């Protein structure tokens, strides 16, 4: 007499990937939730997906960090000693530098934090991206100081679009 329990032996690749991650998470602790290149930005602390995509203008409202130590695999788990080293950097997004500092328990220079908050206020007035504000911020922030060879005076030159 056949069993009443039905089994589904044909798992999809997504199911197999999910099950592998679940097994790995039982064995290892996840430190980060990295973002795929070109994918939706993911909060590195909570794993919640943002509505903005990596590489878009809206990603500038998030605090972006690269994890390049190689201690973590491409899914944010701590590597075991025998695992191959991860040679790709992890792209991590946080709501703010303060969230990054509390998650990683490291310090960020207060001047850099203030500059980041000022940049977000300037580029996203009223919570929406403004192209003109971004161009103004870019010209002021990425100005080069060059020394004239003959005159010895200091010249300020804005970076052109080709150099950008």
C-alpha atoms as a PDB file:
ATOM      1  CA  UNK A   1       0.000   0.000   0.000  1.00  0.00           C
ATOM      2  CA  UNK A   2       1.516   3.349  -0.980  1.00  0.00           C
ATOM      3  CA  UNK A   3       2.331   5.963   1.604  1.00  0.00           C
ATOM      4  CA  UNK A   4      -0.064   8.854   2.020  1.00  0.00           C
ATOM      5  CA  UNK A   5       2.821  11.246   2.545  1.00  0.00           C
ATOM      6  CA  UNK A   6       3.810  12.917  -0.670  1.00  0.00           C
ATOM      7  CA  UNK A   7       7.446  13.723  -1.272  1.00  0.00           C
ATOM      8  CA  UNK A   8       8.773  16.228  -3.725  1.00  0.00           C
ATOM      9  CA  UNK A   9      12.139  14.964  -4.897  1.00  0.00           C
ATOM     10  CA  UNK A  10      12.625  17.503  -7.672  1.00  0.00           C
ATOM     11  CA  UNK A  11      13.863  20.576  -5.824  1.00  0.00           C
ATOM     12  CA  UNK A  12      14.556  23.694  -7.775  1.00  0.00           C
ATOM     13  CA  UNK A  13      17.991  25.291  -7.699  1.00  0.00           C
ATOM     14  CA  UNK A  14      16.622  28.121  -5.548  1.00  0.00           C
ATOM     15  CA  UNK A  15      15.346  25.603  -2.979  1.00  0.00           C
ATOM     16  CA  UNK A  16      18.706  23.843  -2.927  1.00  0.00           C
ATOM     17  CA  UNK A  17      20.517  27.168  -2.458  1.00  0.00           C
ATOM     18  CA  UNK A  18      18.154  28.181   0.361  1.00  0.00           C
ATOM     19  CA  UNK A  19      18.602  24.828   2.116  1.00  0.00           C
ATOM     20  CA  UNK A  20      22.393  25.084   1.813  1.00  0.00           C
ATOM     21  CA  UNK A  21      22.308  28.577   3.362  1.00  0.00           C
ATOM     22  CA  UNK A  22      20.072  27.336   6.185  1.00  0.00           C
ATOM     23  CA  UNK A  23      22.462  24.456   6.936  1.00  0.00           C
ATOM     24  CA  UNK A  24      25.438  26.783   6.805  1.00  0.00           C
ATOM     25  CA  UNK A  25      23.736  29.290   9.107  1.00  0.00           C
ATOM     26  CA  UNK A  26      23.225  26.556  11.691  1.00  0.00           C
ATOM     27  CA  UNK A  27      26.929  25.794  11.610  1.00  0.00           C
ATOM     28  CA  UNK A  28      28.252  29.325  11.220  1.00  0.00           C
ATOM     29  CA  UNK A  29      27.234  32.754  12.339  1.00  0.00           C
ATOM     30  CA  UNK A  30      26.339  35.302   9.700  1.00  0.00           C
ATOM     31  CA  UNK A  31      28.075  38.628  10.238  1.00  0.00           C
ATOM     32  CA  UNK A  32      26.854  40.589   7.198  1.00  0.00           C
ATOM     33  CA  UNK A  33      24.140  40.600   4.572  1.00  0.00           C
ATOM     34  CA  UNK A  34      26.059  41.716   1.459  1.00  0.00           C
ATOM     35  CA  UNK A  35      24.586  43.279  -1.664  1.00  0.00           C
ATOM     36  CA  UNK A  36      25.023  41.694  -5.077  1.00  0.00           C
ATOM     37  CA  UNK A  37      26.593  43.880  -7.755  1.00  0.00           C
ATOM     38  CA  UNK A  38      23.737  45.525  -9.628  1.00  0.00           C
ATOM     39  CA  UNK A  39      21.129  44.063  -7.267  1.00  0.00           C
ATOM     40  CA  UNK A  40      18.822  45.698  -4.773  1.00  0.00           C
ATOM     41  CA  UNK A  41      20.696  47.270  -1.862  1.00  0.00           C
ATOM     42  CA  UNK A  42      20.439  45.186   1.317  1.00  0.00           C
ATOM     43  CA  UNK A  43      20.931  46.440   4.860  1.00  0.00           C
ATOM     44  CA  UNK A  44      24.109  44.695   6.030  1.00  0.00           C
ATOM     45  CA  UNK A  45      22.875  44.577   9.626  1.00  0.00           C
ATOM     46  CA  UNK A  46      19.258  43.412   9.240  1.00  0.00           C
ATOM     47  CA  UNK A  47      19.158  41.828   5.771  1.00  0.00           C
ATOM     48  CA  UNK A  48      16.164  43.961   4.774  1.00  0.00           C
ATOM     49  CA  UNK A  49      16.138  44.936   1.096  1.00  0.00           C
ATOM     50  CA  UNK A  50      15.947  48.622   0.231  1.00  0.00           C
ATOM     51  CA  UNK A  51      13.911  49.916  -2.703  1.00  0.00           C
ATOM     52  CA  UNK A  52      17.067  51.276  -4.368  1.00  0.00           C
ATOM     53  CA  UNK A  53      19.530  49.392  -6.550  1.00  0.00           C
ATOM     54  CA  UNK A  54      23.305  49.231  -6.336  1.00  0.00           C
ATOM     55  CA  UNK A  55      24.800  51.683  -8.820  1.00  0.00           C
ATOM     56  CA  UNK A  56      21.784  54.009  -8.914  1.00  0.00           C
ATOM     57  CA  UNK A  57      21.802  57.636  -7.797  1.00  0.00           C
ATOM     58  CA  UNK A  58      19.557  56.762  -4.860  1.00  0.00           C
ATOM     59  CA  UNK A  59      22.211  54.508  -3.318  1.00  0.00           C
ATOM     60  CA  UNK A  60      24.037  57.685  -2.241  1.00  0.00           C
ATOM     61  CA  UNK A  61      21.500  58.119   0.571  1.00  0.00           C
ATOM     62  CA  UNK A  62      22.933  54.956   2.176  1.00  0.00           C
ATOM     63  CA  UNK A  63      26.276  54.574   3.937  1.00  0.00           C
ATOM     64  CA  UNK A  64      28.358  52.249   1.754  1.00  0.00           C
ATOM     65  CA  UNK A  65      31.251  50.141   3.047  1.00  0.00           C
ATOM     66  CA  UNK A  66      33.458  47.520   1.394  1.00  0.00           C
ATOM     67  CA  UNK A  67      34.564  44.519   3.469  1.00  0.00           C
ATOM     68  CA  UNK A  68      37.864  43.384   1.950  1.00  0.00           C
ATOM     69  CA  UNK A  69      39.498  41.282   4.666  1.00  0.00           C
ATOM     70  CA  UNK A  70      38.536  37.952   3.061  1.00  0.00           C
ATOM     71  CA  UNK A  71      37.426  36.530   6.424  1.00  0.00           C
ATOM     72  CA  UNK A  72      33.835  36.227   5.186  1.00  0.00           C
ATOM     73  CA  UNK A  73      32.438  34.332   2.220  1.00  0.00           C
ATOM     74  CA  UNK A  74      30.351  35.992  -0.485  1.00  0.00           C
ATOM     75  CA  UNK A  75      27.167  35.512   1.592  1.00  0.00           C
ATOM     76  CA  UNK A  76      28.519  37.127   4.750  1.00  0.00           C
ATOM     77  CA  UNK A  77      29.347  34.010   6.776  1.00  0.00           C
ATOM     78  CA  UNK A  78      32.644  33.653   8.615  1.00  0.00           C
ATOM     79  CA  UNK A  79      34.894  31.335   6.608  1.00  0.00           C
ATOM     80  CA  UNK A  80      36.283  28.163   8.107  1.00  0.00           C
ATOM     81  CA  UNK A  81      39.999  27.581   7.941  1.00  0.00           C
ATOM     82  CA  UNK A  82      39.742  25.078   5.072  1.00  0.00           C
ATOM     83  CA  UNK A  83      37.344  27.177   2.975  1.00  0.00           C
ATOM     84  CA  UNK A  84      38.798  28.977  -0.034  1.00  0.00           C
ATOM     85  CA  UNK A  85      39.545  32.629   0.561  1.00  0.00           C
ATOM     86  CA  UNK A  86      36.944  35.068  -0.744  1.00  0.00           C
ATOM     87  CA  UNK A  87      38.766  37.339  -3.167  1.00  0.00           C
ATOM     88  CA  UNK A  88      35.733  39.499  -3.960  1.00  0.00           C
ATOM     89  CA  UNK A  89      34.933  42.431  -1.670  1.00  0.00           C
ATOM     90  CA  UNK A  90      31.567  42.478   0.075  1.00  0.00           C
ATOM     91  CA  UNK A  91      29.436  45.555  -0.630  1.00  0.00           C
ATOM     92  CA  UNK A  92      27.653  46.574   2.573  1.00  0.00           C
ATOM     93  CA  UNK A  93      24.975  49.250   2.978  1.00  0.00           C
ATOM     94  CA  UNK A  94      23.836  50.862   6.213  1.00  0.00           C
ATOM     95  CA  UNK A  95      21.228  53.513   7.005  1.00  0.00           C
ATOM     96  CA  UNK A  96      23.903  55.752   8.499  1.00  0.00           C
ATOM     97  CA  UNK A  97      27.494  55.710   9.772  1.00  0.00           C
ATOM     98  CA  UNK A  98      26.090  55.339  13.284  1.00  0.00           C
ATOM     99  CA  UNK A  99      24.415  52.044  12.347  1.00  0.00           C
ATOM    100  CA  UNK A 100      27.706  50.871  10.827  1.00  0.00           C
ATOM    101  CA  UNK A 101      29.600  51.760  14.011  1.00  0.00           C
ATOM    102  CA  UNK A 102      27.125  49.950  16.261  1.00  0.00           C
ATOM    103  CA  UNK A 103      27.099  46.842  14.026  1.00  0.00           C
ATOM    104  CA  UNK A 104      30.873  46.511  13.594  1.00  0.00           C
ATOM    105  CA  UNK A 105      31.860  48.080  16.933  1.00  0.00           C
ATOM    106  CA  UNK A 106      34.401  50.362  15.296  1.00  0.00           C
ATOM    107  CA  UNK A 107      34.829  54.122  15.261  1.00  0.00           C
ATOM    108  CA  UNK A 108      34.455  56.508  12.334  1.00  0.00           C
ATOM    109  CA  UNK A 109      35.926  60.000  12.433  1.00  0.00           C
ATOM    110  CA  UNK A 110      33.263  62.515  13.515  1.00  0.00           C
ATOM    111  CA  UNK A 111      34.289  64.853  10.703  1.00  0.00           C
ATOM    112  CA  UNK A 112      33.553  62.134   8.122  1.00  0.00           C
ATOM    113  CA  UNK A 113      30.180  61.426   9.742  1.00  0.00           C
ATOM    114  CA  UNK A 114      29.229  65.104   9.630  1.00  0.00           C
ATOM    115  CA  UNK A 115      30.343  65.350   5.975  1.00  0.00           C
ATOM    116  CA  UNK A 116      28.246  62.296   5.048  1.00  0.00           C
ATOM    117  CA  UNK A 117      25.124  63.727   6.725  1.00  0.00           C
ATOM    118  CA  UNK A 118      25.703  67.091   5.031  1.00  0.00           C
ATOM    119  CA  UNK A 119      26.119  65.390   1.642  1.00  0.00           C
ATOM    120  CA  UNK A 120      22.844  63.486   2.041  1.00  0.00           C
ATOM    121  CA  UNK A 121      21.012  66.663   3.068  1.00  0.00           C
ATOM    122  CA  UNK A 122      22.390  68.535   0.068  1.00  0.00           C
ATOM    123  CA  UNK A 123      21.854  65.841  -2.584  1.00  0.00           C
ATOM    124  CA  UNK A 124      18.423  64.714  -1.314  1.00  0.00           C
ATOM    125  CA  UNK A 125      16.529  67.874  -0.332  1.00  0.00           C
ATOM    126  CA  UNK A 126      13.063  66.866   0.808  1.00  0.00           C
ATOM    127  CA  UNK A 127      13.997  63.177   0.479  1.00  0.00           C
ATOM    128  CA  UNK A 128      14.205  63.211  -3.334  1.00  0.00           C
ATOM    129  CA  UNK A 129      17.328  63.056  -5.510  1.00  0.00           C
ATOM    130  CA  UNK A 130      18.196  66.410  -7.122  1.00  0.00           C
ATOM    131  CA  UNK A 131      20.609  66.293 -10.082  1.00  0.00           C
ATOM    132  CA  UNK A 132      21.555  69.988  -9.830  1.00  0.00           C
ATOM    133  CA  UNK A 133      22.350  69.684  -6.114  1.00  0.00           C
ATOM    134  CA  UNK A 134      24.481  66.625  -6.831  1.00  0.00           C
ATOM    135  CA  UNK A 135      26.440  68.420  -9.559  1.00  0.00           C
ATOM    136  CA  UNK A 136      27.036  71.362  -7.229  1.00  0.00           C
ATOM    137  CA  UNK A 137      28.181  69.051  -4.431  1.00  0.00           C
ATOM    138  CA  UNK A 138      30.436  67.115  -6.827  1.00  0.00           C
ATOM    139  CA  UNK A 139      32.126  70.271  -8.110  1.00  0.00           C
ATOM    140  CA  UNK A 140      32.748  71.551  -4.583  1.00  0.00           C
ATOM    141  CA  UNK A 141      33.792  68.219  -3.127  1.00  0.00           C
ATOM    142  CA  UNK A 142      36.009  66.962  -5.916  1.00  0.00           C
ATOM    143  CA  UNK A 143      37.890  70.163  -6.615  1.00  0.00           C
ATOM    144  CA  UNK A 144      41.596  69.603  -7.096  1.00  0.00           C
ATOM    145  CA  UNK A 145      44.242  71.904  -5.779  1.00  0.00           C
ATOM    146  CA  UNK A 146      47.050  72.210  -8.275  1.00  0.00           C
ATOM    147  CA  UNK A 147      50.227  74.144  -8.013  1.00  0.00           C
ATOM    148  CA  UNK A 148      51.257  76.221 -10.995  1.00  0.00           C
ATOM    149  CA  UNK A 149      54.695  75.230 -12.283  1.00  0.00           C
ATOM    150  CA  UNK A 150      55.913  78.655 -13.358  1.00  0.00           C
ATOM    151  CA  UNK A 151      54.005  81.042 -11.127  1.00  0.00           C
ATOM    152  CA  UNK A 152      53.992  78.919  -7.948  1.00  0.00           C
ATOM    153  CA  UNK A 153      50.412  79.928  -7.207  1.00  0.00           C
ATOM    154  CA  UNK A 154      47.714  77.497  -6.161  1.00  0.00           C
ATOM    155  CA  UNK A 155      44.990  76.905  -8.720  1.00  0.00           C
ATOM    156  CA  UNK A 156      41.665  75.234  -8.084  1.00  0.00           C
ATOM    157  CA  UNK A 157      40.501  73.088 -10.957  1.00  0.00           C
ATOM    158  CA  UNK A 158      37.252  71.176 -11.050  1.00  0.00           C
ATOM    159  CA  UNK A 159      37.358  67.579 -12.249  1.00  0.00           C
ATOM    160  CA  UNK A 160      35.902  67.230 -15.706  1.00  0.00           C
ATOM    161  CA  UNK A 161      33.397  64.526 -16.631  1.00  0.00           C
ATOM    162  CA  UNK A 162      36.148  62.573 -18.425  1.00  0.00           C
ATOM    163  CA  UNK A 163      38.286  62.456 -15.264  1.00  0.00           C
ATOM    164  CA  UNK A 164      35.267  61.572 -13.135  1.00  0.00           C
END
